[in-house]
Amino acid sequence: MTMMRWILPATALTLAACGGGQSDGEQNAPVGEDAVPDMAAPIGNPPAEKTEPSDADLGYVVDPSMPPPATAEPGIGAGDKMIPAPIRGSWALDAADCTKEKGVTLLSIDAATLRFYESAGELMRVRDRNASRIVADFRFSGEGENWNRVMLLGLADGGKTLVRRDYGEGAEPALLRYTRCAAPAA
């Protein structure tokens, strides 16, 4: 009997906290620390944003159980074990670097190498690839240091933009967007 005295008030409080007594059209607006800043936001799934195919794939999840390769995979730099042709070329975070011989934000890409201002990364293993995107392990060297990095490189804006995402310890946390540099006149 004593237990019933505690259960009944607890049940009543629970129902009251859930908004008992309101009609279907009424809502309590949260206040204080629990307030939601945008009360006009739609409930449910928002409409899908229009994205380019490569932009939809930029959330690659790296398998932490896969250590960096000690040596390059056999066949690296050929066939499906190279950086896709549309990604190759010169790219810059700052378009002004495109006209400089060694621009600070310049990135040059060939079939198996990424070249930055003071470092270079050699393709070691391809994890995922299609015609406009690659996720791969690279071994970098520069300024007397060596390190491994998993990188996603993908095209956006009809191939005018290169999107780069780095993974792993010491990786750049932000998504980087490069502008394609015009090819030099032949």
N, C-alpha and C. Protein backbone atom coordinates (compact mmCIF):
# COMPACT_ATOMS: atom_id res chain seq x y z
N MET A 1 0.82 -1.19 0.00
CA MET A 1 0.00 0.00 0.00
C MET A 1 0.87 1.25 0.00
N THR A 2 1.97 1.25 0.74
CA THR A 2 2.87 2.40 0.79
C THR A 2 3.45 2.67 -0.59
N MET A 3 3.80 1.62 -1.32
CA MET A 3 4.37 1.77 -2.64
C MET A 3 3.37 2.44 -3.58
N MET A 4 2.09 2.14 -3.49
CA MET A 4 1.06 2.73 -4.33
C MET A 4 0.99 4.23 -4.13
N ARG A 5 1.22 4.71 -2.90
CA ARG A 5 1.19 6.16 -2.63
C ARG A 5 2.29 6.87 -3.42
N TRP A 6 3.42 6.22 -3.65
CA TRP A 6 4.52 6.85 -4.39
C TRP A 6 4.35 6.70 -5.90
N ILE A 7 3.80 5.61 -6.37
CA ILE A 7 3.66 5.37 -7.79
C ILE A 7 2.65 6.32 -8.41
N LEU A 8 1.49 6.53 -7.76
CA LEU A 8 0.46 7.39 -8.30
C LEU A 8 0.95 8.82 -8.51
N PRO A 9 1.56 9.49 -7.51
CA PRO A 9 2.05 10.86 -7.75
C PRO A 9 3.15 10.89 -8.82
N ALA A 10 4.03 9.89 -8.85
CA ALA A 10 5.10 9.87 -9.85
C ALA A 10 4.52 9.75 -11.25
N THR A 11 3.47 8.93 -11.41
CA THR A 11 2.82 8.77 -12.71
C THR A 11 2.15 10.06 -13.14
N ALA A 12 1.49 10.73 -12.20
CA ALA A 12 0.83 12.00 -12.51
C ALA A 12 1.84 13.04 -12.95
N LEU A 13 2.98 13.13 -12.27
CA LEU A 13 4.02 14.09 -12.64
C LEU A 13 4.60 13.78 -14.02
N THR A 14 4.78 12.51 -14.31
CA THR A 14 5.31 12.11 -15.61
C THR A 14 4.36 12.51 -16.72
N LEU A 15 3.07 12.29 -16.53
CA LEU A 15 2.09 12.67 -17.54
C LEU A 15 2.04 14.18 -17.70
N ALA A 16 2.13 14.91 -16.62
CA ALA A 16 2.10 16.37 -16.70
C ALA A 16 3.33 16.88 -17.46
N ALA A 17 4.48 16.27 -17.23
CA ALA A 17 5.70 16.69 -17.91
C ALA A 17 5.63 16.41 -19.40
N CYS A 18 4.86 15.42 -19.80
CA CYS A 18 4.74 15.07 -21.21
C CYS A 18 3.72 15.95 -21.92
N GLY A 19 3.14 16.91 -21.22
CA GLY A 19 2.22 17.83 -21.87
C GLY A 19 0.79 17.37 -21.79
N GLY A 20 0.43 16.55 -20.82
CA GLY A 20 -0.94 16.09 -20.69
C GLY A 20 -1.89 17.27 -20.61
N GLY A 21 -3.04 17.15 -21.22
CA GLY A 21 -4.05 18.18 -21.14
C GLY A 21 -4.00 19.15 -22.30
N GLN A 22 -3.02 19.10 -23.19
CA GLN A 22 -2.98 20.01 -24.32
C GLN A 22 -3.68 19.37 -25.50
N SER A 23 -4.25 20.23 -26.33
CA SER A 23 -4.86 19.70 -27.55
C SER A 23 -3.76 19.45 -28.57
N ASP A 24 -4.11 18.76 -29.64
CA ASP A 24 -3.11 18.40 -30.65
C ASP A 24 -2.45 19.62 -31.28
N GLY A 25 -3.12 20.74 -31.35
CA GLY A 25 -2.57 21.92 -32.00
C GLY A 25 -1.67 22.75 -31.11
N GLU A 26 -1.62 22.50 -29.82
CA GLU A 26 -0.81 23.31 -28.91
C GLU A 26 0.57 22.71 -28.75
N GLN A 27 1.57 23.60 -28.55
CA GLN A 27 2.92 23.16 -28.26
C GLN A 27 3.48 24.05 -27.16
N ASN A 28 4.27 23.46 -26.29
CA ASN A 28 4.99 24.25 -25.31
C ASN A 28 6.30 24.67 -25.93
N ALA A 29 6.62 25.96 -25.91
CA ALA A 29 7.92 26.43 -26.40
C ALA A 29 8.93 26.26 -25.29
N PRO A 30 10.04 25.57 -25.54
CA PRO A 30 11.03 25.39 -24.49
C PRO A 30 11.64 26.74 -24.10
N VAL A 31 12.02 26.86 -22.85
CA VAL A 31 12.63 28.09 -22.37
C VAL A 31 13.93 27.75 -21.66
N GLY A 32 14.75 28.75 -21.46
CA GLY A 32 16.00 28.56 -20.72
C GLY A 32 17.00 27.77 -21.53
N GLU A 33 17.77 26.92 -20.86
CA GLU A 33 18.85 26.18 -21.50
C GLU A 33 18.35 25.17 -22.53
N ASP A 34 17.10 24.72 -22.41
CA ASP A 34 16.56 23.73 -23.33
C ASP A 34 15.91 24.35 -24.56
N ALA A 35 15.95 25.68 -24.68
CA ALA A 35 15.30 26.34 -25.80
C ALA A 35 15.99 25.97 -27.11
N VAL A 36 15.20 25.78 -28.15
CA VAL A 36 15.71 25.49 -29.47
C VAL A 36 15.74 26.81 -30.22
N PRO A 37 16.89 27.23 -30.76
CA PRO A 37 17.00 28.54 -31.38
C PRO A 37 16.06 28.77 -32.55
N ASP A 38 15.84 27.77 -33.41
CA ASP A 38 15.03 27.96 -34.60
C ASP A 38 13.74 27.17 -34.47
N MET A 39 12.71 27.80 -33.91
CA MET A 39 11.44 27.10 -33.70
C MET A 39 10.66 26.95 -34.99
N ALA A 40 11.05 27.69 -36.05
CA ALA A 40 10.33 27.59 -37.31
C ALA A 40 10.84 26.46 -38.19
N ALA A 41 11.87 25.76 -37.73
CA ALA A 41 12.46 24.67 -38.54
C ALA A 41 11.43 23.57 -38.71
N PRO A 42 11.36 22.98 -39.91
CA PRO A 42 10.38 21.91 -40.13
C PRO A 42 10.73 20.68 -39.31
N ILE A 43 9.70 19.95 -38.95
CA ILE A 43 9.87 18.71 -38.21
C ILE A 43 10.01 17.59 -39.23
N GLY A 44 10.87 16.63 -38.97
CA GLY A 44 11.08 15.53 -39.89
C GLY A 44 12.33 15.76 -40.72
N ASN A 45 12.45 15.05 -41.80
CA ASN A 45 13.63 15.17 -42.65
C ASN A 45 13.54 16.41 -43.52
N PRO A 46 14.61 17.23 -43.54
CA PRO A 46 14.59 18.40 -44.42
C PRO A 46 14.67 17.95 -45.88
N PRO A 47 14.25 18.80 -46.80
CA PRO A 47 14.35 18.41 -48.21
C PRO A 47 15.81 18.18 -48.58
N ALA A 48 16.04 17.22 -49.46
CA ALA A 48 17.41 16.90 -49.87
C ALA A 48 18.02 18.08 -50.61
N GLU A 49 19.28 18.41 -50.28
CA GLU A 49 19.97 19.47 -50.97
C GLU A 49 20.49 18.94 -52.29
N LYS A 50 20.53 19.81 -53.28
CA LYS A 50 21.07 19.41 -54.57
C LYS A 50 22.59 19.41 -54.46
N THR A 51 23.21 18.28 -54.65
CA THR A 51 24.66 18.17 -54.58
C THR A 51 25.19 17.47 -55.81
N GLU A 52 26.44 17.73 -56.10
CA GLU A 52 27.09 17.03 -57.19
C GLU A 52 27.47 15.64 -56.70
N PRO A 53 27.61 14.69 -57.61
CA PRO A 53 27.94 13.32 -57.18
C PRO A 53 29.15 13.24 -56.27
N SER A 54 30.23 13.96 -56.56
CA SER A 54 31.42 13.85 -55.70
C SER A 54 31.17 14.47 -54.34
N ASP A 55 30.37 15.55 -54.27
CA ASP A 55 30.09 16.17 -52.98
C ASP A 55 29.33 15.22 -52.06
N ALA A 56 28.53 14.33 -52.63
CA ALA A 56 27.77 13.39 -51.81
C ALA A 56 28.68 12.33 -51.19
N ASP A 57 29.86 12.13 -51.74
CA ASP A 57 30.77 11.09 -51.28
C ASP A 57 31.89 11.61 -50.38
N LEU A 58 31.80 12.82 -49.90
CA LEU A 58 32.92 13.41 -49.16
C LEU A 58 32.98 13.00 -47.71
N GLY A 59 32.10 12.15 -47.26
CA GLY A 59 32.11 11.70 -45.88
C GLY A 59 32.67 10.31 -45.72
N TYR A 60 33.72 9.99 -46.40
CA TYR A 60 34.34 8.67 -46.32
C TYR A 60 34.74 8.35 -44.89
N VAL A 61 34.52 7.12 -44.46
CA VAL A 61 34.92 6.69 -43.12
C VAL A 61 36.12 5.77 -43.26
N VAL A 62 37.23 6.17 -42.66
CA VAL A 62 38.47 5.40 -42.74
C VAL A 62 38.41 4.23 -41.77
N ASP A 63 38.82 3.06 -42.23
CA ASP A 63 38.88 1.87 -41.39
C ASP A 63 40.13 1.97 -40.52
N PRO A 64 39.97 2.19 -39.20
CA PRO A 64 41.14 2.36 -38.32
C PRO A 64 41.97 1.09 -38.16
N SER A 65 41.42 -0.05 -38.52
CA SER A 65 42.19 -1.29 -38.39
C SER A 65 43.14 -1.50 -39.57
N MET A 66 43.09 -0.62 -40.56
CA MET A 66 43.93 -0.75 -41.74
C MET A 66 45.15 0.17 -41.58
N PRO A 67 46.31 -0.37 -41.18
CA PRO A 67 47.49 0.47 -40.97
C PRO A 67 48.05 0.96 -42.30
N PRO A 68 48.87 2.02 -42.27
CA PRO A 68 49.47 2.49 -43.52
C PRO A 68 50.35 1.39 -44.12
N PRO A 69 50.38 1.28 -45.44
CA PRO A 69 51.20 0.24 -46.06
C PRO A 69 52.69 0.54 -45.88
N ALA A 70 53.48 -0.52 -45.70
CA ALA A 70 54.93 -0.38 -45.56
C ALA A 70 55.57 -0.08 -46.91
N THR A 71 55.00 -0.63 -47.96
CA THR A 71 55.48 -0.40 -49.32
C THR A 71 54.28 -0.14 -50.22
N ALA A 72 54.55 0.43 -51.37
CA ALA A 72 53.46 0.71 -52.32
C ALA A 72 52.87 -0.60 -52.83
N GLU A 73 51.55 -0.60 -53.03
CA GLU A 73 50.88 -1.76 -53.62
C GLU A 73 51.46 -2.03 -55.01
N PRO A 74 51.50 -3.26 -55.42
CA PRO A 74 51.93 -3.56 -56.78
C PRO A 74 51.01 -2.87 -57.79
N GLY A 75 51.60 -2.32 -58.84
CA GLY A 75 50.81 -1.70 -59.90
C GLY A 75 50.46 -0.24 -59.67
N ILE A 76 50.92 0.34 -58.55
CA ILE A 76 50.59 1.75 -58.28
C ILE A 76 51.08 2.63 -59.42
N GLY A 77 50.23 3.56 -59.85
CA GLY A 77 50.57 4.48 -60.93
C GLY A 77 50.07 4.02 -62.29
N ALA A 78 49.33 2.90 -62.32
CA ALA A 78 48.80 2.39 -63.59
C ALA A 78 47.38 1.87 -63.39
N GLY A 79 46.61 1.89 -64.46
CA GLY A 79 45.24 1.34 -64.43
C GLY A 79 44.38 1.96 -63.35
N ASP A 80 43.71 1.10 -62.57
CA ASP A 80 42.83 1.60 -61.51
C ASP A 80 43.61 1.89 -60.22
N LYS A 81 44.93 1.81 -60.27
CA LYS A 81 45.76 2.11 -59.10
C LYS A 81 46.56 3.40 -59.33
N MET A 82 45.88 4.37 -59.95
CA MET A 82 46.48 5.68 -60.13
C MET A 82 45.42 6.74 -59.88
N ILE A 83 45.88 7.96 -59.72
CA ILE A 83 44.96 9.08 -59.51
C ILE A 83 44.23 9.31 -60.83
N PRO A 84 42.89 9.39 -60.80
CA PRO A 84 42.12 9.57 -62.04
C PRO A 84 42.58 10.79 -62.83
N ALA A 85 42.61 10.67 -64.14
CA ALA A 85 43.08 11.74 -65.03
C ALA A 85 42.38 13.08 -64.80
N PRO A 86 41.05 13.13 -64.59
CA PRO A 86 40.41 14.43 -64.39
C PRO A 86 40.90 15.18 -63.14
N ILE A 87 41.47 14.47 -62.18
CA ILE A 87 41.95 15.11 -60.94
C ILE A 87 43.37 15.65 -61.13
N ARG A 88 44.11 15.11 -62.07
CA ARG A 88 45.50 15.52 -62.26
C ARG A 88 45.59 16.94 -62.79
N GLY A 89 46.71 17.59 -62.46
CA GLY A 89 46.94 18.96 -62.93
C GLY A 89 47.40 19.83 -61.78
N SER A 90 47.28 21.14 -61.97
CA SER A 90 47.68 22.10 -60.94
C SER A 90 46.44 22.72 -60.33
N TRP A 91 46.47 22.86 -59.01
CA TRP A 91 45.36 23.38 -58.23
C TRP A 91 45.92 24.35 -57.19
N ALA A 92 45.13 25.32 -56.76
CA ALA A 92 45.59 26.26 -55.74
C ALA A 92 44.43 26.66 -54.83
N LEU A 93 44.73 26.76 -53.53
CA LEU A 93 43.74 27.29 -52.58
C LEU A 93 43.54 28.77 -52.87
N ASP A 94 44.61 29.46 -53.23
CA ASP A 94 44.57 30.88 -53.58
C ASP A 94 44.86 30.96 -55.08
N ALA A 95 43.88 31.37 -55.87
CA ALA A 95 44.03 31.38 -57.33
C ALA A 95 45.24 32.19 -57.78
N ALA A 96 45.68 33.18 -57.01
CA ALA A 96 46.86 33.97 -57.37
C ALA A 96 48.12 33.10 -57.43
N ASP A 97 48.15 32.00 -56.69
CA ASP A 97 49.31 31.10 -56.71
C ASP A 97 49.44 30.36 -58.03
N CYS A 98 48.39 30.33 -58.82
CA CYS A 98 48.45 29.62 -60.10
C CYS A 98 49.48 30.24 -61.04
N THR A 99 49.71 31.53 -60.93
CA THR A 99 50.64 32.20 -61.84
C THR A 99 52.06 32.25 -61.30
N LYS A 100 52.27 31.77 -60.09
CA LYS A 100 53.61 31.77 -59.50
C LYS A 100 54.28 30.44 -59.76
N GLU A 101 55.62 30.47 -59.90
CA GLU A 101 56.35 29.24 -60.14
C GLU A 101 56.22 28.27 -58.97
N LYS A 102 56.29 28.78 -57.75
CA LYS A 102 56.15 27.93 -56.56
C LYS A 102 55.18 28.61 -55.59
N GLY A 103 53.93 28.66 -55.96
CA GLY A 103 52.94 29.27 -55.09
C GLY A 103 52.77 28.47 -53.81
N VAL A 104 52.57 29.18 -52.71
CA VAL A 104 52.47 28.55 -51.39
C VAL A 104 51.30 27.59 -51.30
N THR A 105 50.19 27.90 -51.96
CA THR A 105 49.02 27.02 -51.86
C THR A 105 48.87 26.12 -53.08
N LEU A 106 49.88 26.06 -53.92
CA LEU A 106 49.83 25.27 -55.13
C LEU A 106 49.95 23.77 -54.83
N LEU A 107 49.13 22.97 -55.50
CA LEU A 107 49.15 21.51 -55.40
C LEU A 107 49.20 20.97 -56.82
N SER A 108 50.25 20.22 -57.14
CA SER A 108 50.39 19.60 -58.46
C SER A 108 50.18 18.09 -58.30
N ILE A 109 49.36 17.53 -59.18
CA ILE A 109 48.99 16.12 -59.08
C ILE A 109 49.29 15.42 -60.40
N ASP A 110 50.00 14.28 -60.31
CA ASP A 110 50.16 13.42 -61.48
C ASP A 110 49.56 12.06 -61.14
N ALA A 111 49.89 11.03 -61.89
CA ALA A 111 49.26 9.72 -61.72
C ALA A 111 49.50 9.09 -60.36
N ALA A 112 50.63 9.43 -59.69
CA ALA A 112 50.93 8.77 -58.42
C ALA A 112 51.57 9.69 -57.38
N THR A 113 51.56 11.03 -57.61
CA THR A 113 52.24 11.93 -56.69
C THR A 113 51.45 13.22 -56.49
N LEU A 114 51.46 13.69 -55.23
CA LEU A 114 50.94 15.01 -54.88
C LEU A 114 52.14 15.87 -54.52
N ARG A 115 52.27 17.05 -55.12
CA ARG A 115 53.39 17.94 -54.80
C ARG A 115 52.85 19.26 -54.26
N PHE A 116 53.23 19.55 -53.02
CA PHE A 116 52.87 20.80 -52.36
C PHE A 116 54.09 21.72 -52.36
N TYR A 117 54.00 22.86 -51.72
CA TYR A 117 55.06 23.86 -51.68
C TYR A 117 56.38 23.27 -51.18
N GLU A 118 56.36 22.58 -50.05
CA GLU A 118 57.59 22.03 -49.47
C GLU A 118 57.48 20.55 -49.11
N SER A 119 56.56 19.83 -49.73
CA SER A 119 56.43 18.40 -49.45
C SER A 119 55.85 17.69 -50.67
N ALA A 120 55.99 16.38 -50.66
CA ALA A 120 55.44 15.56 -51.73
C ALA A 120 54.90 14.28 -51.13
N GLY A 121 53.81 13.78 -51.69
CA GLY A 121 53.20 12.54 -51.24
C GLY A 121 53.15 11.52 -52.35
N GLU A 122 53.67 10.33 -52.08
CA GLU A 122 53.64 9.24 -53.05
C GLU A 122 52.46 8.33 -52.77
N LEU A 123 51.71 8.00 -53.80
CA LEU A 123 50.57 7.09 -53.69
C LEU A 123 51.06 5.71 -53.27
N MET A 124 50.49 5.17 -52.20
CA MET A 124 50.90 3.86 -51.69
C MET A 124 49.81 2.80 -51.84
N ARG A 125 48.55 3.21 -51.65
CA ARG A 125 47.43 2.25 -51.73
C ARG A 125 46.16 3.00 -52.08
N VAL A 126 45.38 2.46 -52.99
CA VAL A 126 44.08 3.02 -53.35
C VAL A 126 43.03 2.30 -52.53
N ARG A 127 42.24 3.06 -51.77
CA ARG A 127 41.18 2.47 -50.94
C ARG A 127 39.84 2.49 -51.68
N ASP A 128 39.60 3.55 -52.42
CA ASP A 128 38.32 3.71 -53.13
C ASP A 128 38.58 4.65 -54.29
N ARG A 129 37.93 4.39 -55.43
CA ARG A 129 38.22 5.20 -56.60
C ARG A 129 37.08 5.13 -57.60
N ASN A 130 36.82 6.26 -58.26
CA ASN A 130 35.99 6.29 -59.46
C ASN A 130 36.59 7.35 -60.38
N ALA A 131 35.90 7.72 -61.44
CA ALA A 131 36.48 8.64 -62.43
C ALA A 131 36.76 10.04 -61.89
N SER A 132 36.06 10.46 -60.83
CA SER A 132 36.24 11.82 -60.33
C SER A 132 36.54 11.88 -58.83
N ARG A 133 36.98 10.76 -58.26
CA ARG A 133 37.23 10.71 -56.83
C ARG A 133 38.19 9.59 -56.50
N ILE A 134 39.08 9.84 -55.52
CA ILE A 134 39.97 8.79 -55.04
C ILE A 134 40.16 8.97 -53.54
N VAL A 135 40.20 7.87 -52.82
CA VAL A 135 40.58 7.84 -51.41
C VAL A 135 41.78 6.92 -51.37
N ALA A 136 42.91 7.44 -50.87
CA ALA A 136 44.13 6.66 -50.94
C ALA A 136 45.09 6.99 -49.80
N ASP A 137 46.00 6.06 -49.56
CA ASP A 137 47.09 6.25 -48.61
C ASP A 137 48.26 6.87 -49.36
N PHE A 138 48.86 7.90 -48.76
CA PHE A 138 50.04 8.55 -49.33
C PHE A 138 51.14 8.57 -48.29
N ARG A 139 52.38 8.44 -48.74
CA ARG A 139 53.54 8.61 -47.86
C ARG A 139 54.18 9.94 -48.25
N PHE A 140 54.21 10.85 -47.28
CA PHE A 140 54.73 12.19 -47.51
C PHE A 140 56.13 12.35 -46.96
N SER A 141 56.86 13.27 -47.59
CA SER A 141 58.16 13.69 -47.08
C SER A 141 58.31 15.17 -47.39
N GLY A 142 58.99 15.85 -46.49
CA GLY A 142 59.23 17.28 -46.68
C GLY A 142 59.81 17.89 -45.43
N GLU A 143 60.70 18.84 -45.62
CA GLU A 143 61.35 19.55 -44.51
C GLU A 143 61.96 18.58 -43.50
N GLY A 144 62.56 17.49 -43.99
CA GLY A 144 63.24 16.53 -43.13
C GLY A 144 62.32 15.59 -42.37
N GLU A 145 61.03 15.62 -42.65
CA GLU A 145 60.05 14.77 -41.97
C GLU A 145 59.42 13.80 -42.95
N ASN A 146 58.90 12.68 -42.42
CA ASN A 146 58.13 11.70 -43.18
C ASN A 146 56.85 11.39 -42.42
N TRP A 147 55.74 11.24 -43.11
CA TRP A 147 54.48 10.91 -42.47
C TRP A 147 53.54 10.24 -43.46
N ASN A 148 52.55 9.55 -42.94
CA ASN A 148 51.53 8.88 -43.74
C ASN A 148 50.22 9.64 -43.60
N ARG A 149 49.44 9.64 -44.67
CA ARG A 149 48.15 10.33 -44.62
C ARG A 149 47.19 9.64 -45.56
N VAL A 150 45.96 9.47 -45.11
CA VAL A 150 44.87 9.03 -45.99
C VAL A 150 44.20 10.30 -46.49
N MET A 151 43.97 10.38 -47.79
CA MET A 151 43.35 11.58 -48.38
C MET A 151 42.23 11.19 -49.32
N LEU A 152 41.22 12.03 -49.33
CA LEU A 152 40.15 11.96 -50.31
C LEU A 152 40.35 13.15 -51.23
N LEU A 153 40.38 12.90 -52.52
CA LEU A 153 40.43 13.95 -53.53
C LEU A 153 39.24 13.74 -54.45
N GLY A 154 38.39 14.74 -54.60
CA GLY A 154 37.21 14.61 -55.44
C GLY A 154 36.91 15.89 -56.18
N LEU A 155 36.31 15.78 -57.34
CA LEU A 155 35.98 16.95 -58.16
C LEU A 155 34.58 17.45 -57.86
N ALA A 156 34.43 18.76 -57.94
CA ALA A 156 33.13 19.42 -57.78
C ALA A 156 33.06 20.54 -58.81
N ASP A 157 31.92 21.19 -58.91
CA ASP A 157 31.72 22.32 -59.83
C ASP A 157 32.11 21.98 -61.26
N GLY A 158 31.72 20.81 -61.72
CA GLY A 158 32.01 20.42 -63.09
C GLY A 158 33.49 20.25 -63.37
N GLY A 159 34.28 19.92 -62.34
CA GLY A 159 35.71 19.71 -62.51
C GLY A 159 36.55 20.95 -62.28
N LYS A 160 35.92 22.08 -61.95
CA LYS A 160 36.66 23.32 -61.69
C LYS A 160 37.22 23.39 -60.29
N THR A 161 36.68 22.58 -59.38
CA THR A 161 37.08 22.59 -57.98
C THR A 161 37.54 21.20 -57.56
N LEU A 162 38.64 21.16 -56.83
CA LEU A 162 39.14 19.92 -56.24
C LEU A 162 38.87 20.01 -54.75
N VAL A 163 38.19 19.03 -54.22
CA VAL A 163 37.89 18.99 -52.79
C VAL A 163 38.83 17.98 -52.16
N ARG A 164 39.47 18.40 -51.05
CA ARG A 164 40.43 17.52 -50.36
C ARG A 164 40.03 17.38 -48.91
N ARG A 165 40.02 16.13 -48.45
CA ARG A 165 39.78 15.85 -47.03
C ARG A 165 40.88 14.91 -46.58
N ASP A 166 41.54 15.25 -45.46
CA ASP A 166 42.61 14.43 -44.89
C ASP A 166 42.09 13.67 -43.70
N TYR A 167 42.65 12.49 -43.47
CA TYR A 167 42.25 11.64 -42.35
C TYR A 167 43.48 11.21 -41.58
N GLY A 168 43.31 11.00 -40.29
CA GLY A 168 44.38 10.47 -39.46
C GLY A 168 44.99 11.51 -38.53
N GLU A 169 45.95 11.05 -37.74
CA GLU A 169 46.61 11.90 -36.77
C GLU A 169 47.32 13.06 -37.47
N GLY A 170 47.08 14.27 -36.99
CA GLY A 170 47.70 15.45 -37.57
C GLY A 170 47.05 15.94 -38.84
N ALA A 171 45.94 15.34 -39.24
CA ALA A 171 45.27 15.71 -40.48
C ALA A 171 44.60 17.07 -40.36
N GLU A 172 44.53 17.77 -41.45
CA GLU A 172 43.80 19.03 -41.54
C GLU A 172 42.32 18.71 -41.32
N PRO A 173 41.67 19.31 -40.30
CA PRO A 173 40.28 18.96 -40.01
C PRO A 173 39.27 19.52 -41.02
N ALA A 174 39.63 20.60 -41.70
CA ALA A 174 38.69 21.25 -42.60
C ALA A 174 38.71 20.61 -43.99
N LEU A 175 37.60 20.71 -44.66
CA LEU A 175 37.49 20.32 -46.06
C LEU A 175 38.14 21.44 -46.85
N LEU A 176 39.10 21.14 -47.71
CA LEU A 176 39.81 22.16 -48.49
C LEU A 176 39.30 22.15 -49.93
N ARG A 177 39.11 23.34 -50.49
CA ARG A 177 38.63 23.48 -51.87
C ARG A 177 39.67 24.24 -52.68
N TYR A 178 40.16 23.59 -53.73
CA TYR A 178 41.17 24.16 -54.60
C TYR A 178 40.53 24.57 -55.92
N THR A 179 41.10 25.61 -56.54
CA THR A 179 40.69 26.06 -57.87
C THR A 179 41.65 25.48 -58.89
N ARG A 180 41.10 25.00 -60.00
CA ARG A 180 41.97 24.47 -61.05
C ARG A 180 42.73 25.61 -61.70
N CYS A 181 44.04 25.45 -61.85
CA CYS A 181 44.88 26.42 -62.54
C CYS A 181 44.83 26.11 -64.03
N ALA A 182 44.81 27.16 -64.85
CA ALA A 182 44.79 26.97 -66.29
C ALA A 182 46.07 26.30 -66.73
N ALA A 183 45.96 25.42 -67.69
CA ALA A 183 47.15 24.74 -68.22
C ALA A 183 47.97 25.77 -69.01
N PRO A 184 49.29 25.71 -68.91
CA PRO A 184 50.11 26.66 -69.66
C PRO A 184 49.94 26.46 -71.17
N ALA A 185 50.04 27.53 -71.90
CA ALA A 185 49.90 27.45 -73.36
C ALA A 185 51.06 26.68 -73.95
N ALA A 186 50.76 25.82 -74.92
CA ALA A 186 51.82 24.99 -75.52
C ALA A 186 52.47 25.68 -76.68
